[in-house]
Amino acid sequence: MNPGGEDVQRRTREIRSAALALGFSHVGFAAAQELRDERVHLDQWLAQGHHAAMLWMGSDVAKRTDPRAVLPGARSVISVAMNYYTSEAHRGEPGTAKISRYAWGDDYHDIVGERLEQLEKLLHDMLPEVRTRRYCDTGPVMDKAWAVRAGIGWLGKNGNVITRDLGSWVFLGEILATCDFVYDQPMADFCGTCTLCIEACPTQAIVAPTVVDSRRCLSWLTIECRDEELPLREGMRMDGWVFGCDVCQDVCPWNSFARESAEPGFQPRSANISPPLAELAVIGDEEFRERFRRSPVKRCKPWGMRRNARTVSAENESNVD
């Protein structure tokens, strides 16, 4: 049930308008309640070991599924999305590597986080007594679940939030607040019978609609996995990816609606689109740090990038043989 009152309606309009003016492509509002259905799915996902070595996913489950455990007295979640699509494409040339589109430009944590901070300040100027917490993939808050609750999009079969007007090339963030807003309604699921993402995954990581097994996902393997050698199972292919993977998004029909991002920071660094594999396989620590300064790619560490590039090179050589 939505809270009423002119003050709440005016606040909602002003924060929505401010969010769009700050460069967010979407903004929605949801009541800060326990995510009961999402808690069931999270518990099942963890029980099946789909979180791989990301043990932090199994901690603070109460906080992940109830914003009031993160911010006592929370009444609302302001969910935002920011378009990061650019018209460049992976070229797939022999001897080159692929880096996920989201990591071609500057680190989204910095860009989205800075805009969230500005939006948070505007809310505090408007309502000095309000208490808030902001997140952009930076804490025990389920970004995708709140984007769905706030009507920004629906959860696609590939586990990404899909918007009707831009597809899934969006970053998510949220502000928890101890004040009321006029709440949006969740959106219907428009994936229908389409299974292109499941069929196209090079490692068969989408084990059921909306369920991704991190142990098979190239995003986890190339970024978070800290094994000396990548634990690839039979039938799993790297397909040139050394940081992340875009396949499930590339094949999604809803991404035909993608439009160029207006955010300069998301424009690709030319060296990140199709870097030579041989370069990355021997990249030095200092060169890595300099090349990927203020980039999400720094998360995989220099030795991780060398490992990934060598693994892709070995796969390519095997395919030639």
Protein backbone atom coordinates (compact mmCIF):
# COMPACT_ATOMS: atom_id res chain seq x y z
CA MET A 1 0.00 0.00 0.00
CA ASN A 2 1.37 3.40 -1.01
CA PRO A 3 1.72 6.16 1.56
CA GLY A 4 -0.30 9.23 0.60
CA GLY A 5 0.13 12.93 1.15
CA GLU A 6 1.24 15.83 -1.00
CA ASP A 7 4.66 15.96 0.64
CA VAL A 8 5.37 12.33 -0.28
CA GLN A 9 4.18 12.83 -3.84
CA ARG A 10 6.24 16.00 -4.28
CA ARG A 11 9.33 14.33 -2.81
CA THR A 12 8.93 11.40 -5.18
CA ARG A 13 8.61 13.67 -8.21
CA GLU A 14 11.61 15.77 -7.22
CA ILE A 15 13.92 12.83 -6.50
CA ARG A 16 12.85 11.09 -9.72
CA SER A 17 13.53 14.25 -11.71
CA ALA A 18 16.88 14.81 -9.97
CA ALA A 19 17.98 11.22 -10.61
CA LEU A 20 17.28 11.56 -14.33
CA ALA A 21 19.07 14.93 -14.42
CA LEU A 22 22.12 13.28 -12.83
CA GLY A 23 22.35 10.85 -15.75
CA PHE A 24 20.45 7.83 -14.48
CA SER A 25 18.37 6.26 -17.23
CA HIS A 26 15.79 4.79 -14.82
CA VAL A 27 14.65 5.39 -11.25
CA GLY A 28 12.05 3.55 -9.20
CA PHE A 29 10.83 3.37 -5.62
CA ALA A 30 9.96 0.34 -3.50
CA ALA A 31 8.88 -0.18 0.10
CA ALA A 32 11.73 -1.41 2.32
CA GLN A 33 10.39 -4.84 3.18
CA GLU A 34 11.79 -8.31 3.59
CA LEU A 35 12.52 -10.05 0.28
CA ARG A 36 10.86 -13.32 1.22
CA ASP A 37 10.68 -15.05 -2.17
CA GLU A 38 14.16 -13.83 -3.02
CA ARG A 39 15.39 -15.24 0.32
CA VAL A 40 14.08 -18.70 -0.66
CA HIS A 41 15.85 -18.51 -4.02
CA LEU A 42 19.07 -17.23 -2.44
CA ASP A 43 19.06 -20.05 0.13
CA GLN A 44 18.59 -22.62 -2.64
CA TRP A 45 21.32 -21.04 -4.75
CA LEU A 46 23.76 -21.12 -1.83
CA ALA A 47 22.81 -24.69 -0.85
CA GLN A 48 23.62 -25.85 -4.38
CA GLY A 49 27.06 -24.26 -4.21
CA HIS A 50 26.36 -21.90 -7.09
CA HIS A 51 28.25 -19.10 -5.31
CA ALA A 52 31.55 -20.96 -5.89
CA ALA A 53 34.29 -19.50 -3.68
CA MET A 54 32.39 -16.26 -3.02
CA LEU A 55 31.83 -17.17 0.61
CA TRP A 56 30.70 -13.64 1.46
CA MET A 57 27.51 -14.36 -0.47
CA GLY A 58 26.52 -16.75 2.30
CA SER A 59 27.16 -14.28 5.08
CA ASP A 60 24.80 -11.50 6.16
CA VAL A 61 21.89 -13.23 4.43
CA ALA A 62 19.47 -11.38 6.72
CA LYS A 63 20.93 -8.06 5.56
CA ARG A 64 20.83 -9.12 1.92
CA THR A 65 17.15 -9.86 2.13
CA ASP A 66 15.89 -7.13 4.48
CA PRO A 67 17.10 -3.53 4.10
CA ARG A 68 15.92 -2.77 7.62
CA ALA A 69 18.73 -4.99 8.89
CA VAL A 70 21.17 -2.74 7.03
CA LEU A 71 19.54 0.57 7.91
CA PRO A 72 17.28 0.35 10.98
CA GLY A 73 14.11 2.30 10.33
CA ALA A 74 14.44 2.07 6.55
CA ARG A 75 11.10 2.68 4.83
CA SER A 76 12.07 2.95 1.15
CA VAL A 77 14.55 1.80 -1.45
CA ILE A 78 15.35 4.19 -4.29
CA SER A 79 16.61 2.03 -7.15
CA VAL A 80 18.47 3.52 -10.12
CA ALA A 81 19.93 2.27 -13.38
CA MET A 82 22.51 3.88 -15.66
CA ASN A 83 22.98 3.01 -19.33
CA TYR A 84 26.54 2.01 -20.25
CA TYR A 85 26.08 0.77 -23.82
CA THR A 86 28.43 2.03 -26.54
CA SER A 87 28.26 1.14 -30.22
CA GLU A 88 31.71 -0.47 -30.45
CA ALA A 89 31.66 -4.25 -30.90
CA HIS A 90 33.97 -7.13 -30.10
CA ARG A 91 35.91 -7.76 -33.28
CA GLY A 92 36.92 -11.35 -32.63
CA GLU A 93 40.10 -11.03 -34.67
CA PRO A 94 42.64 -13.89 -34.42
CA GLY A 95 45.11 -13.41 -31.60
CA THR A 96 42.95 -10.90 -29.73
CA ALA A 97 41.20 -11.12 -26.38
CA LYS A 98 37.71 -10.08 -25.30
CA ILE A 99 36.96 -7.87 -22.31
CA SER A 100 33.36 -7.46 -21.15
CA ARG A 101 31.71 -4.31 -22.48
CA TYR A 102 31.04 -2.97 -18.97
CA ALA A 103 34.79 -2.79 -18.35
CA TRP A 104 35.80 -0.93 -21.51
CA GLY A 105 35.64 2.47 -19.82
CA ASP A 106 36.04 3.83 -16.31
CA ASP A 107 35.01 1.92 -13.19
CA TYR A 108 31.24 2.04 -12.77
CA HIS A 109 31.60 1.92 -8.99
CA ASP A 110 33.14 5.39 -9.15
CA ILE A 111 30.75 6.90 -11.69
CA VAL A 112 27.49 5.49 -10.35
CA GLY A 113 28.66 5.88 -6.76
CA GLU A 114 29.41 9.58 -7.26
CA ARG A 115 25.97 10.24 -8.78
CA LEU A 116 24.29 8.29 -5.97
CA GLU A 117 26.13 10.44 -3.47
CA GLN A 118 24.81 13.58 -5.18
CA LEU A 119 21.27 12.21 -5.18
CA GLU A 120 21.63 11.28 -1.52
CA LYS A 121 22.75 14.83 -0.72
CA LEU A 122 19.73 16.27 -2.51
CA LEU A 123 17.46 14.08 -0.42
CA HIS A 124 19.20 15.26 2.76
CA ASP A 125 18.81 18.90 1.68
CA MET A 126 15.13 18.22 1.12
CA LEU A 127 14.63 16.26 4.35
CA PRO A 128 17.47 16.96 6.84
CA GLU A 129 16.30 14.36 9.37
CA VAL A 130 16.35 11.46 6.88
CA ARG A 131 18.91 8.68 7.32
CA THR A 132 20.27 6.93 4.23
CA ARG A 133 22.71 4.32 2.92
CA ARG A 134 23.82 4.09 -0.71
CA TYR A 135 25.16 1.07 -2.59
CA CYS A 136 26.41 0.19 -6.05
CA ASP A 137 27.42 -3.45 -5.93
CA THR A 138 29.26 -2.48 -2.75
CA GLY A 139 27.38 -4.04 0.15
CA PRO A 140 24.93 -6.67 1.38
CA VAL A 141 22.03 -5.42 -0.73
CA MET A 142 20.45 -7.30 -3.64
CA ASP A 143 20.71 -4.70 -6.41
CA LYS A 144 18.80 -6.75 -8.98
CA ALA A 145 15.99 -7.71 -6.63
CA TRP A 146 15.35 -4.08 -5.76
CA ALA A 147 15.49 -2.97 -9.39
CA VAL A 148 12.77 -5.53 -10.10
CA ARG A 149 10.70 -4.49 -7.06
CA ALA A 150 10.99 -0.84 -8.11
CA GLY A 151 9.74 -1.53 -11.63
CA ILE A 152 12.97 -0.75 -13.46
CA GLY A 153 12.92 -4.08 -15.31
CA TRP A 154 12.48 -7.80 -14.88
CA LEU A 155 14.97 -10.53 -14.07
CA GLY A 156 15.92 -12.21 -17.33
CA LYS A 157 16.70 -15.89 -17.71
CA ASN A 158 20.40 -14.95 -17.80
CA GLY A 159 20.12 -13.42 -14.32
CA ASN A 160 20.41 -9.83 -15.56
CA VAL A 161 17.83 -7.12 -15.10
CA ILE A 162 16.30 -6.28 -18.48
CA THR A 163 14.64 -2.93 -19.16
CA ARG A 164 12.06 -2.58 -21.94
CA ASP A 165 13.68 0.47 -23.52
CA LEU A 166 17.43 -0.20 -23.18
CA GLY A 167 17.78 -3.93 -22.63
CA SER A 168 20.23 -5.09 -19.99
CA TRP A 169 23.24 -2.82 -20.61
CA VAL A 170 22.67 -0.94 -17.34
CA PHE A 171 24.45 -0.57 -14.02
CA LEU A 172 22.35 -0.66 -10.88
CA GLY A 173 22.48 1.12 -7.55
CA GLU A 174 20.21 2.06 -4.69
CA ILE A 175 19.68 4.35 -1.73
CA LEU A 176 17.99 3.06 1.41
CA ALA A 177 16.06 5.83 3.15
CA THR A 178 14.03 6.30 6.34
CA CYS A 179 11.31 8.26 4.54
CA ASP A 180 8.34 7.40 2.35
CA PHE A 181 7.85 7.70 -1.40
CA VAL A 182 5.12 6.78 -3.84
CA TYR A 183 6.09 3.23 -4.77
CA ASP A 184 6.29 1.78 -8.26
CA GLN A 185 4.92 -1.60 -9.29
CA PRO A 186 7.11 -4.50 -10.43
CA MET A 187 7.18 -5.06 -14.18
CA ALA A 188 5.94 -8.17 -15.94
CA ASP A 189 8.48 -10.72 -17.26
CA PHE A 190 8.83 -10.28 -21.02
CA CYS A 191 11.34 -13.06 -21.73
CA GLY A 192 8.50 -15.32 -22.81
CA THR A 193 9.62 -18.63 -24.28
CA CYS A 194 12.99 -17.28 -25.47
CA THR A 195 16.00 -19.36 -24.34
CA LEU A 196 18.73 -17.83 -26.54
CA CYS A 197 20.90 -16.85 -23.56
CA ILE A 198 20.76 -20.36 -22.08
CA GLU A 199 21.64 -21.96 -25.42
CA ALA A 200 24.46 -19.52 -26.25
CA CYS A 201 26.37 -19.66 -22.95
CA PRO A 202 29.82 -21.07 -23.78
CA THR A 203 30.10 -22.82 -20.42
CA GLN A 204 26.47 -23.85 -19.84
CA ALA A 205 26.46 -21.70 -16.72
CA ILE A 206 22.74 -20.85 -16.87
CA VAL A 207 21.53 -24.07 -15.30
CA ALA A 208 17.87 -22.99 -15.08
CA PRO A 209 16.00 -19.80 -15.94
CA THR A 210 17.45 -16.97 -13.76
CA VAL A 211 19.87 -19.44 -12.07
CA VAL A 212 23.57 -19.00 -12.87
CA ASP A 213 26.15 -21.43 -11.52
CA SER A 214 29.17 -19.23 -10.78
CA ARG A 215 31.49 -22.22 -10.93
CA ARG A 216 30.81 -22.40 -14.66
CA CYS A 217 30.37 -18.68 -15.40
CA LEU A 218 33.23 -16.98 -17.24
CA SER A 219 32.62 -13.79 -15.29
CA TRP A 220 33.44 -15.55 -12.03
CA LEU A 221 36.21 -17.66 -13.52
CA THR A 222 38.08 -14.76 -15.12
CA ILE A 223 37.55 -12.20 -12.35
CA GLU A 224 36.92 -13.73 -8.94
CA CYS A 225 38.53 -17.18 -9.21
CA ARG A 226 41.89 -17.19 -7.44
CA ASP A 227 43.05 -20.66 -8.55
CA GLU A 228 46.43 -20.86 -10.21
CA GLU A 229 44.80 -22.67 -13.13
CA LEU A 230 41.22 -22.08 -14.21
CA PRO A 231 39.03 -25.02 -13.13
CA LEU A 232 37.41 -25.54 -16.54
CA ARG A 233 35.14 -28.54 -16.82
CA GLU A 234 34.52 -30.67 -19.89
CA GLY A 235 32.64 -28.77 -22.57
CA MET A 236 33.44 -25.32 -21.17
CA ARG A 237 34.94 -22.86 -23.66
CA MET A 238 36.70 -19.55 -23.03
CA ASP A 239 35.86 -18.25 -26.52
CA GLY A 240 38.46 -15.49 -26.18
CA TRP A 241 37.17 -13.99 -22.93
CA VAL A 242 39.87 -12.82 -20.51
CA PHE A 243 37.68 -10.57 -18.34
CA GLY A 244 33.99 -11.23 -17.93
CA CYS A 245 31.65 -12.38 -20.70
CA ASP A 246 28.86 -10.72 -22.69
CA VAL A 247 27.46 -13.66 -24.64
CA CYS A 248 24.14 -13.95 -22.80
CA GLN A 249 23.56 -10.23 -23.32
CA ASP A 250 24.79 -10.13 -26.91
CA VAL A 251 22.17 -12.67 -27.99
CA CYS A 252 19.27 -11.16 -25.99
CA PRO A 253 16.62 -9.74 -28.36
CA TRP A 254 15.81 -6.97 -25.89
CA ASN A 255 19.30 -5.56 -26.37
CA SER A 256 18.39 -4.62 -29.93
CA PHE A 257 16.83 -1.56 -28.26
CA ALA A 258 20.16 -0.44 -26.77
CA ARG A 259 21.12 3.19 -27.24
CA GLU A 260 24.45 4.96 -26.88
CA SER A 261 25.23 6.01 -23.31
CA ALA A 262 25.53 9.74 -22.70
CA GLU A 263 28.13 9.15 -19.96
CA PRO A 264 31.64 10.01 -21.27
CA GLY A 265 33.27 7.79 -18.65
CA PHE A 266 31.76 4.68 -20.21
CA GLN A 267 33.27 5.36 -23.62
CA PRO A 268 35.73 2.56 -24.44
CA ARG A 269 39.43 2.93 -23.96
CA SER A 270 40.66 1.80 -27.38
CA ALA A 271 43.18 -0.61 -25.87
CA ASN A 272 40.41 -2.49 -24.03
CA ILE A 273 38.25 -3.54 -26.98
CA SER A 274 40.43 -6.14 -28.72
CA PRO A 275 43.78 -6.31 -26.90
CA PRO A 276 46.44 -8.71 -28.24
CA LEU A 277 46.44 -11.97 -26.29
CA ALA A 278 50.22 -12.25 -26.47
CA GLU A 279 50.52 -8.86 -24.73
CA LEU A 280 48.19 -9.78 -21.90
CA ALA A 281 49.81 -13.19 -21.38
CA VAL A 282 53.05 -11.52 -20.29
CA ILE A 283 51.84 -8.15 -19.00
CA GLY A 284 53.93 -6.92 -16.10
CA ASP A 285 52.43 -5.90 -12.77
CA GLU A 286 53.23 -2.21 -13.15
CA GLU A 287 52.07 -2.09 -16.75
CA PHE A 288 48.80 -3.78 -15.72
CA ARG A 289 48.20 -1.27 -12.93
CA GLU A 290 48.90 1.67 -15.23
CA ARG A 291 46.88 0.35 -18.17
CA PHE A 292 43.81 -0.50 -16.08
CA ARG A 293 43.93 2.39 -13.61
CA ARG A 294 40.36 3.42 -12.65
CA SER A 295 39.05 0.43 -14.62
CA PRO A 296 37.02 -2.56 -13.38
CA VAL A 297 39.63 -4.81 -15.01
CA LYS A 298 41.97 -4.21 -12.10
CA ARG A 299 39.81 -6.62 -10.07
CA CYS A 300 41.30 -9.69 -11.74
CA LYS A 301 44.88 -8.76 -10.68
CA PRO A 302 47.93 -8.87 -13.00
CA TRP A 303 48.61 -12.57 -12.44
CA GLY A 304 44.95 -13.37 -13.07
CA MET A 305 45.03 -11.58 -16.42
CA ARG A 306 48.18 -13.46 -17.43
CA ARG A 307 46.52 -16.76 -16.43
CA ASN A 308 43.36 -15.95 -18.36
CA ALA A 309 45.22 -14.89 -21.50
CA ARG A 310 47.38 -17.98 -21.46
CA THR A 311 44.34 -20.20 -21.00
CA VAL A 312 42.61 -18.59 -23.99
CA SER A 313 45.79 -18.92 -26.07
CA ALA A 314 46.09 -22.59 -25.23
CA GLU A 315 42.42 -23.15 -26.17
CA ASN A 316 42.95 -21.37 -29.49
CA GLU A 317 46.00 -23.49 -30.27
CA SER A 318 44.06 -26.65 -29.39
CA ASN A 319 41.25 -25.64 -31.74
CA VAL A 320 43.73 -25.12 -34.58
CA ASP A 321 45.21 -28.57 -34.01
